[in-house]
């Protein structure tokens, strides 16, 4: 399943408390995103793929992965801050 995320400004607590083994959000268009506060707060995921994200507009990463005790791997390969 694919979502058009090009106009998303906030992903605040979007996956908070979600109980899945892995999340692949590598195809998300994040160029307009500014807030990812608590995005994966208390998530049950052990692997999260955020590779290829454009993060130059994101200004708030507060508690993005807080209380995600099962998290073992985060793929941030190719993050672009430009």
PDB file of N, CA and C in Angstrom:
ATOM      1  N   UNK A   1       0.834  -1.171   0.000  1.00  0.00           N
ATOM      2  CA  UNK A   1       0.000   0.000   0.000  1.00  0.00           C
ATOM      3  C   UNK A   1       0.883   1.241   0.000  1.00  0.00           C
ATOM      4  N   UNK A   2       0.526   2.219  -0.791  1.00  0.00           N
ATOM      5  CA  UNK A   2       1.305   3.442  -0.910  1.00  0.00           C
ATOM      6  C   UNK A   2       0.423   4.645  -0.583  1.00  0.00           C
ATOM      7  N   UNK A   3       0.993   5.590   0.135  1.00  0.00           N
ATOM      8  CA  UNK A   3       0.281   6.802   0.501  1.00  0.00           C
ATOM      9  C   UNK A   3       0.991   8.007  -0.078  1.00  0.00           C
ATOM     10  N   UNK A   4       0.250   9.022  -0.470  1.00  0.00           N
ATOM     11  CA  UNK A   4       0.835  10.278  -0.912  1.00  0.00           C
ATOM     12  C   UNK A   4       1.060  11.133   0.335  1.00  0.00           C
ATOM     13  N   UNK A   5       2.304  11.271   0.743  1.00  0.00           N
ATOM     14  CA  UNK A   5       2.639  12.013   1.957  1.00  0.00           C
ATOM     15  C   UNK A   5       3.306  13.347   1.634  1.00  0.00           C
ATOM     16  N   UNK A   6       3.249  13.783   0.401  1.00  0.00           N
ATOM     17  CA  UNK A   6       3.961  14.990  -0.024  1.00  0.00           C
ATOM     18  C   UNK A   6       3.457  16.265   0.645  1.00  0.00           C
ATOM     19  N   UNK A   7       2.222  16.269   1.128  1.00  0.00           N
ATOM     20  CA  UNK A   7       1.676  17.470   1.772  1.00  0.00           C
ATOM     21  C   UNK A   7       1.577  17.340   3.289  1.00  0.00           C
ATOM     22  N   UNK A   8       2.055  16.235   3.825  1.00  0.00           N
ATOM     23  CA  UNK A   8       2.004  16.021   5.273  1.00  0.00           C
ATOM     24  C   UNK A   8       3.001  16.933   5.962  1.00  0.00           C
ATOM     25  N   UNK A   9       2.537  17.708   6.933  1.00  0.00           N
ATOM     26  CA  UNK A   9       3.399  18.615   7.689  1.00  0.00           C
ATOM     27  C   UNK A   9       3.752  18.024   9.047  1.00  0.00           C
ATOM     28  N   UNK A  10       2.888  17.185   9.595  1.00  0.00           N
ATOM     29  CA  UNK A  10       3.131  16.609  10.912  1.00  0.00           C
ATOM     30  C   UNK A  10       2.813  15.115  10.915  1.00  0.00           C
ATOM     31  N   UNK A  11       3.736  14.357  11.473  1.00  0.00           N
ATOM     32  CA  UNK A  11       3.514  12.923  11.688  1.00  0.00           C
ATOM     33  C   UNK A  11       3.558  12.651  13.191  1.00  0.00           C
ATOM     34  N   UNK A  12       3.202  13.662  13.944  1.00  0.00           N
ATOM     35  CA  UNK A  12       3.230  13.617  15.403  1.00  0.00           C
ATOM     36  C   UNK A  12       2.416  12.435  15.917  1.00  0.00           C
ATOM     37  N   UNK A  13       3.105  11.521  16.619  1.00  0.00           N
ATOM     38  CA  UNK A  13       2.512  10.323  17.232  1.00  0.00           C
ATOM     39  C   UNK A  13       1.793   9.420  16.222  1.00  0.00           C
ATOM     40  N   UNK A  14       2.158   9.490  14.959  1.00  0.00           N
ATOM     41  CA  UNK A  14       1.477   8.721  13.903  1.00  0.00           C
ATOM     42  C   UNK A  14       1.495   7.216  14.137  1.00  0.00           C
ATOM     43  N   UNK A  15       2.600   6.689  14.671  1.00  0.00           N
ATOM     44  CA  UNK A  15       2.716   5.253  14.896  1.00  0.00           C
ATOM     45  C   UNK A  15       2.899   4.930  16.372  1.00  0.00           C
ATOM     46  N   UNK A  16       2.498   5.834  17.225  1.00  0.00           N
ATOM     47  CA  UNK A  16       2.621   5.631  18.670  1.00  0.00           C
ATOM     48  C   UNK A  16       1.806   4.415  19.096  1.00  0.00           C
ATOM     49  N   UNK A  17       2.453   3.517  19.815  1.00  0.00           N
ATOM     50  CA  UNK A  17       1.777   2.346  20.344  1.00  0.00           C
ATOM     51  C   UNK A  17       1.464   1.258  19.342  1.00  0.00           C
ATOM     52  N   UNK A  18       1.861   1.441  18.090  1.00  0.00           N
ATOM     53  CA  UNK A  18       1.578   0.429  17.074  1.00  0.00           C
ATOM     54  C   UNK A  18       2.353  -0.843  17.398  1.00  0.00           C
ATOM     55  N   UNK A  19       1.694  -1.990  17.248  1.00  0.00           N
ATOM     56  CA  UNK A  19       2.314  -3.264  17.603  1.00  0.00           C
ATOM     57  C   UNK A  19       2.531  -4.111  16.348  1.00  0.00           C
ATOM     58  N   UNK A  20       3.593  -3.772  15.616  1.00  0.00           N
ATOM     59  CA  UNK A  20       4.000  -4.532  14.427  1.00  0.00           C
ATOM     60  C   UNK A  20       5.475  -4.868  14.576  1.00  0.00           C
ATOM     61  N   UNK A  21       5.949  -5.868  13.843  1.00  0.00           N
ATOM     62  CA  UNK A  21       7.359  -6.241  13.965  1.00  0.00           C
ATOM     63  C   UNK A  21       8.277  -5.301  13.198  1.00  0.00           C
ATOM     64  N   UNK A  22       7.789  -4.725  12.084  1.00  0.00           N
ATOM     65  CA  UNK A  22       8.634  -3.815  11.311  1.00  0.00           C
ATOM     66  C   UNK A  22       7.784  -2.799  10.560  1.00  0.00           C
ATOM     67  N   UNK A  23       8.423  -1.664  10.274  1.00  0.00           N
ATOM     68  CA  UNK A  23       7.776  -0.607   9.500  1.00  0.00           C
ATOM     69  C   UNK A  23       8.726  -0.171   8.402  1.00  0.00           C
ATOM     70  N   UNK A  24       8.251  -0.112   7.173  1.00  0.00           N
ATOM     71  CA  UNK A  24       9.055   0.383   6.066  1.00  0.00           C
ATOM     72  C   UNK A  24       8.386   1.635   5.512  1.00  0.00           C
ATOM     73  N   UNK A  25       8.951   2.781   5.859  1.00  0.00           N
ATOM     74  CA  UNK A  25       8.419   4.066   5.410  1.00  0.00           C
ATOM     75  C   UNK A  25       9.399   4.742   4.462  1.00  0.00           C
ATOM     76  N   UNK A  26      10.247   3.942   3.842  1.00  0.00           N
ATOM     77  CA  UNK A  26      11.292   4.476   2.963  1.00  0.00           C
ATOM     78  C   UNK A  26      10.735   5.190   1.738  1.00  0.00           C
ATOM     79  N   UNK A  27       9.507   4.898   1.356  1.00  0.00           N
ATOM     80  CA  UNK A  27       8.926   5.539   0.172  1.00  0.00           C
ATOM     81  C   UNK A  27       8.147   6.811   0.515  1.00  0.00           C
ATOM     82  N   UNK A  28       8.175   7.232   1.763  1.00  0.00           N
ATOM     83  CA  UNK A  28       7.455   8.448   2.159  1.00  0.00           C
ATOM     84  C   UNK A  28       8.145   9.685   1.615  1.00  0.00           C
ATOM     85  N   UNK A  29       7.359  10.616   1.112  1.00  0.00           N
ATOM     86  CA  UNK A  29       7.856  11.912   0.678  1.00  0.00           C
ATOM     87  C   UNK A  29       7.750  12.840   1.888  1.00  0.00           C
ATOM     88  N   UNK A  30       8.887  13.188   2.475  1.00  0.00           N
ATOM     89  CA  UNK A  30       8.909  13.954   3.725  1.00  0.00           C
ATOM     90  C   UNK A  30       9.417  15.380   3.535  1.00  0.00           C
ATOM     91  N   UNK A  31       9.494  15.849   2.314  1.00  0.00           N
ATOM     92  CA  UNK A  31      10.103  17.155   2.056  1.00  0.00           C
ATOM     93  C   UNK A  31       9.361  18.314   2.717  1.00  0.00           C
ATOM     94  N   UNK A  32       8.084  18.163   3.030  1.00  0.00           N
ATOM     95  CA  UNK A  32       7.314  19.226   3.677  1.00  0.00           C
ATOM     96  C   UNK A  32       7.018  18.963   5.148  1.00  0.00           C
ATOM     97  N   UNK A  33       7.531  17.873   5.682  1.00  0.00           N
ATOM     98  CA  UNK A  33       7.274  17.504   7.065  1.00  0.00           C
ATOM     99  C   UNK A  33       8.109  18.365   8.015  1.00  0.00           C
ATOM    100  N   UNK A  34       7.486  18.847   9.084  1.00  0.00           N
ATOM    101  CA  UNK A  34       8.195  19.679  10.054  1.00  0.00           C
ATOM    102  C   UNK A  34       8.205  19.086  11.469  1.00  0.00           C
ATOM    103  N   UNK A  35       7.292  18.176  11.777  1.00  0.00           N
ATOM    104  CA  UNK A  35       7.171  17.667  13.150  1.00  0.00           C
ATOM    105  C   UNK A  35       6.998  16.152  13.161  1.00  0.00           C
ATOM    106  N   UNK A  36       7.946  15.467  13.802  1.00  0.00           N
ATOM    107  CA  UNK A  36       7.857  14.010  13.961  1.00  0.00           C
ATOM    108  C   UNK A  36       7.899  13.636  15.447  1.00  0.00           C
ATOM    109  N   UNK A  37       7.451  14.566  16.291  1.00  0.00           N
ATOM    110  CA  UNK A  37       7.410  14.332  17.732  1.00  0.00           C
ATOM    111  C   UNK A  37       6.689  13.028  18.044  1.00  0.00           C
ATOM    112  N   UNK A  38       7.346  12.158  18.802  1.00  0.00           N
ATOM    113  CA  UNK A  38       6.721  10.928  19.266  1.00  0.00           C
ATOM    114  C   UNK A  38       6.209  10.006  18.179  1.00  0.00           C
ATOM    115  N   UNK A  39       6.705  10.148  16.977  1.00  0.00           N
ATOM    116  CA  UNK A  39       6.178   9.395  15.829  1.00  0.00           C
ATOM    117  C   UNK A  39       6.112   7.891  16.095  1.00  0.00           C
ATOM    118  N   UNK A  40       7.118   7.355  16.770  1.00  0.00           N
ATOM    119  CA  UNK A  40       7.161   5.911  17.064  1.00  0.00           C
ATOM    120  C   UNK A  40       7.134   5.652  18.565  1.00  0.00           C
ATOM    121  N   UNK A  41       6.603   6.596  19.325  1.00  0.00           N
ATOM    122  CA  UNK A  41       6.543   6.489  20.783  1.00  0.00           C
ATOM    123  C   UNK A  41       5.865   5.190  21.198  1.00  0.00           C
ATOM    124  N   UNK A  42       6.550   4.434  22.058  1.00  0.00           N
ATOM    125  CA  UNK A  42       6.007   3.187  22.608  1.00  0.00           C
ATOM    126  C   UNK A  42       5.625   2.180  21.519  1.00  0.00           C
ATOM    127  N   UNK A  43       6.320   2.243  20.400  1.00  0.00           N
ATOM    128  CA  UNK A  43       6.065   1.323  19.292  1.00  0.00           C
ATOM    129  C   UNK A  43       6.618  -0.063  19.610  1.00  0.00           C
ATOM    130  N   UNK A  44       5.972  -1.087  19.109  1.00  0.00           N
ATOM    131  CA  UNK A  44       6.435  -2.453  19.296  1.00  0.00           C
ATOM    132  C   UNK A  44       7.331  -2.938  18.166  1.00  0.00           C
ATOM    133  N   UNK A  45       7.636  -2.068  17.203  1.00  0.00           N
ATOM    134  CA  UNK A  45       8.451  -2.451  16.046  1.00  0.00           C
ATOM    135  C   UNK A  45       9.898  -2.711  16.460  1.00  0.00           C
ATOM    136  N   UNK A  46      10.486  -3.745  15.895  1.00  0.00           N
ATOM    137  CA  UNK A  46      11.904  -4.020  16.142  1.00  0.00           C
ATOM    138  C   UNK A  46      12.776  -3.449  15.025  1.00  0.00           C
ATOM    139  N   UNK A  47      12.186  -3.164  13.855  1.00  0.00           N
ATOM    140  CA  UNK A  47      12.928  -2.605  12.734  1.00  0.00           C
ATOM    141  C   UNK A  47      12.083  -1.523  12.067  1.00  0.00           C
ATOM    142  N   UNK A  48      12.731  -0.358  11.837  1.00  0.00           N
ATOM    143  CA  UNK A  48      12.059   0.747  11.158  1.00  0.00           C
ATOM    144  C   UNK A  48      12.969   1.237  10.038  1.00  0.00           C
ATOM    145  N   UNK A  49      12.443   1.287   8.818  1.00  0.00           N
ATOM    146  CA  UNK A  49      13.209   1.743   7.658  1.00  0.00           C
ATOM    147  C   UNK A  49      12.723   3.131   7.260  1.00  0.00           C
ATOM    148  N   UNK A  50      13.586   4.123   7.464  1.00  0.00           N
ATOM    149  CA  UNK A  50      13.297   5.506   7.096  1.00  0.00           C
ATOM    150  C   UNK A  50      14.289   5.988   6.048  1.00  0.00           C
ATOM    151  N   UNK A  51      14.911   5.065   5.348  1.00  0.00           N
ATOM    152  CA  UNK A  51      15.951   5.426   4.384  1.00  0.00           C
ATOM    153  C   UNK A  51      15.400   6.321   3.280  1.00  0.00           C
ATOM    154  N   UNK A  52      16.246   7.238   2.836  1.00  0.00           N
ATOM    155  CA  UNK A  52      15.894   8.117   1.740  1.00  0.00           C
ATOM    156  C   UNK A  52      15.054   9.328   2.112  1.00  0.00           C
ATOM    157  N   UNK A  53      14.784   9.517   3.386  1.00  0.00           N
ATOM    158  CA  UNK A  53      13.960  10.662   3.792  1.00  0.00           C
ATOM    159  C   UNK A  53      14.690  11.972   3.550  1.00  0.00           C
ATOM    160  N   UNK A  54      13.956  12.979   3.108  1.00  0.00           N
ATOM    161  CA  UNK A  54      14.456  14.353   3.036  1.00  0.00           C
ATOM    162  C   UNK A  54      14.009  15.022   4.333  1.00  0.00           C
ATOM    163  N   UNK A  55      14.976  15.364   5.192  1.00  0.00           N
ATOM    164  CA  UNK A  55      14.645  15.832   6.541  1.00  0.00           C
ATOM    165  C   UNK A  55      14.986  17.297   6.784  1.00  0.00           C
ATOM    166  N   UNK A  56      15.298  18.044   5.735  1.00  0.00           N
ATOM    167  CA  UNK A  56      15.733  19.438   5.906  1.00  0.00           C
ATOM    168  C   UNK A  56      14.660  20.332   6.520  1.00  0.00           C
ATOM    169  N   UNK A  57      13.393  20.007   6.369  1.00  0.00           N
ATOM    170  CA  UNK A  57      12.313  20.835   6.916  1.00  0.00           C
ATOM    171  C   UNK A  57      11.905  20.428   8.326  1.00  0.00           C
ATOM    172  N   UNK A  58      12.303  19.237   8.745  1.00  0.00           N
ATOM    173  CA  UNK A  58      11.896  18.753  10.071  1.00  0.00           C
ATOM    174  C   UNK A  58      12.645  19.523  11.149  1.00  0.00           C
ATOM    175  N   UNK A  59      11.874  20.136  12.058  1.00  0.00           N
ATOM    176  CA  UNK A  59      12.484  20.925  13.127  1.00  0.00           C
ATOM    177  C   UNK A  59      12.263  20.323  14.509  1.00  0.00           C
ATOM    178  N   UNK A  60      11.336  19.379  14.640  1.00  0.00           N
ATOM    179  CA  UNK A  60      11.082  18.790  15.952  1.00  0.00           C
ATOM    180  C   UNK A  60      11.085  17.262  15.872  1.00  0.00           C
ATOM    181  N   UNK A  61      12.135  16.695  16.481  1.00  0.00           N
ATOM    182  CA  UNK A  61      12.296  15.238  16.549  1.00  0.00           C
ATOM    183  C   UNK A  61      12.061  14.729  17.980  1.00  0.00           C
ATOM    184  N   UNK A  62      11.493  15.550  18.840  1.00  0.00           N
ATOM    185  CA  UNK A  62      11.319  15.213  20.253  1.00  0.00           C
ATOM    186  C   UNK A  62      10.680  13.841  20.437  1.00  0.00           C
ATOM    187  N   UNK A  63      11.318  13.025  21.247  1.00  0.00           N
ATOM    188  CA  UNK A  63      10.774  11.711  21.626  1.00  0.00           C
ATOM    189  C   UNK A  63      10.350  10.846  20.447  1.00  0.00           C
ATOM    190  N   UNK A  64      10.981  11.028  19.312  1.00  0.00           N
ATOM    191  CA  UNK A  64      10.600  10.299  18.101  1.00  0.00           C
ATOM    192  C   UNK A  64      10.575   8.781  18.324  1.00  0.00           C
ATOM    193  N   UNK A  65      11.548   8.259  19.083  1.00  0.00           N
ATOM    194  CA  UNK A  65      11.634   6.819  19.333  1.00  0.00           C
ATOM    195  C   UNK A  65      11.499   6.478  20.820  1.00  0.00           C
ATOM    196  N   UNK A  66      11.023   7.401  21.631  1.00  0.00           N
ATOM    197  CA  UNK A  66      10.935   7.207  23.084  1.00  0.00           C
ATOM    198  C   UNK A  66      10.087   5.991  23.447  1.00  0.00           C
ATOM    199  N   UNK A  67      10.541   5.260  24.445  1.00  0.00           N
ATOM    200  CA  UNK A  67       9.846   4.094  24.994  1.00  0.00           C
ATOM    201  C   UNK A  67       9.620   2.971  23.977  1.00  0.00           C
ATOM    202  N   UNK A  68      10.396   2.955  22.907  1.00  0.00           N
ATOM    203  CA  UNK A  68      10.296   1.874  21.918  1.00  0.00           C
ATOM    204  C   UNK A  68      11.313   0.799  22.284  1.00  0.00           C
ATOM    205  N   UNK A  69      11.014   0.072  23.334  1.00  0.00           N
ATOM    206  CA  UNK A  69      11.974  -0.868  23.929  1.00  0.00           C
ATOM    207  C   UNK A  69      12.298  -2.074  23.051  1.00  0.00           C
ATOM    208  N   UNK A  70      11.480  -2.403  22.086  1.00  0.00           N
ATOM    209  CA  UNK A  70      11.742  -3.545  21.201  1.00  0.00           C
ATOM    210  C   UNK A  70      12.554  -3.161  19.961  1.00  0.00           C
ATOM    211  N   UNK A  71      12.768  -1.864  19.773  1.00  0.00           N
ATOM    212  CA  UNK A  71      13.463  -1.375  18.589  1.00  0.00           C
ATOM    213  C   UNK A  71      14.933  -1.801  18.590  1.00  0.00           C
ATOM    214  N   UNK A  72      15.343  -2.513  17.545  1.00  0.00           N
ATOM    215  CA  UNK A  72      16.716  -3.010  17.410  1.00  0.00           C
ATOM    216  C   UNK A  72      17.453  -2.380  16.237  1.00  0.00           C
ATOM    217  N   UNK A  73      16.722  -1.937  15.210  1.00  0.00           N
ATOM    218  CA  UNK A  73      17.362  -1.451  13.992  1.00  0.00           C
ATOM    219  C   UNK A  73      16.561  -0.306  13.376  1.00  0.00           C
ATOM    220  N   UNK A  74      17.287   0.789  13.048  1.00  0.00           N
ATOM    221  CA  UNK A  74      16.685   1.923  12.348  1.00  0.00           C
ATOM    222  C   UNK A  74      17.555   2.210  11.134  1.00  0.00           C
ATOM    223  N   UNK A  75      16.983   2.159   9.948  1.00  0.00           N
ATOM    224  CA  UNK A  75      17.731   2.450   8.719  1.00  0.00           C
ATOM    225  C   UNK A  75      17.515   3.914   8.357  1.00  0.00           C
ATOM    226  N   UNK A  76      18.587   4.712   8.494  1.00  0.00           N
ATOM    227  CA  UNK A  76      18.549   6.132   8.154  1.00  0.00           C
ATOM    228  C   UNK A  76      19.426   6.420   6.940  1.00  0.00           C
ATOM    229  N   UNK A  77      19.797   5.387   6.239  1.00  0.00           N
ATOM    230  CA  UNK A  77      20.672   5.536   5.056  1.00  0.00           C
ATOM    231  C   UNK A  77      20.065   6.513   4.060  1.00  0.00           C
ATOM    232  N   UNK A  78      20.888   7.406   3.591  1.00  0.00           N
ATOM    233  CA  UNK A  78      20.461   8.331   2.551  1.00  0.00           C
ATOM    234  C   UNK A  78      19.629   9.499   3.032  1.00  0.00           C
ATOM    235  N   UNK A  79      19.617   9.776   4.344  1.00  0.00           N
ATOM    236  CA  UNK A  79      18.884  10.952   4.801  1.00  0.00           C
ATOM    237  C   UNK A  79      19.474  12.183   4.175  1.00  0.00           C
ATOM    238  N   UNK A  80      18.639  13.061   3.673  1.00  0.00           N
ATOM    239  CA  UNK A  80      19.092  14.276   3.028  1.00  0.00           C
ATOM    240  C   UNK A  80      18.689  15.490   3.841  1.00  0.00           C
ATOM    241  N   UNK A  81      19.675  16.277   4.244  1.00  0.00           N
ATOM    242  CA  UNK A  81      19.406  17.479   5.021  1.00  0.00           C
ATOM    243  C   UNK A  81      19.438  18.728   4.144  1.00  0.00           C
ATOM    244  N   UNK A  82      19.538  18.539   2.843  1.00  0.00           N
ATOM    245  CA  UNK A  82      19.586  19.667   1.900  1.00  0.00           C
ATOM    246  C   UNK A  82      18.260  19.855   1.215  1.00  0.00           C
TER     247      UNK A  82
END
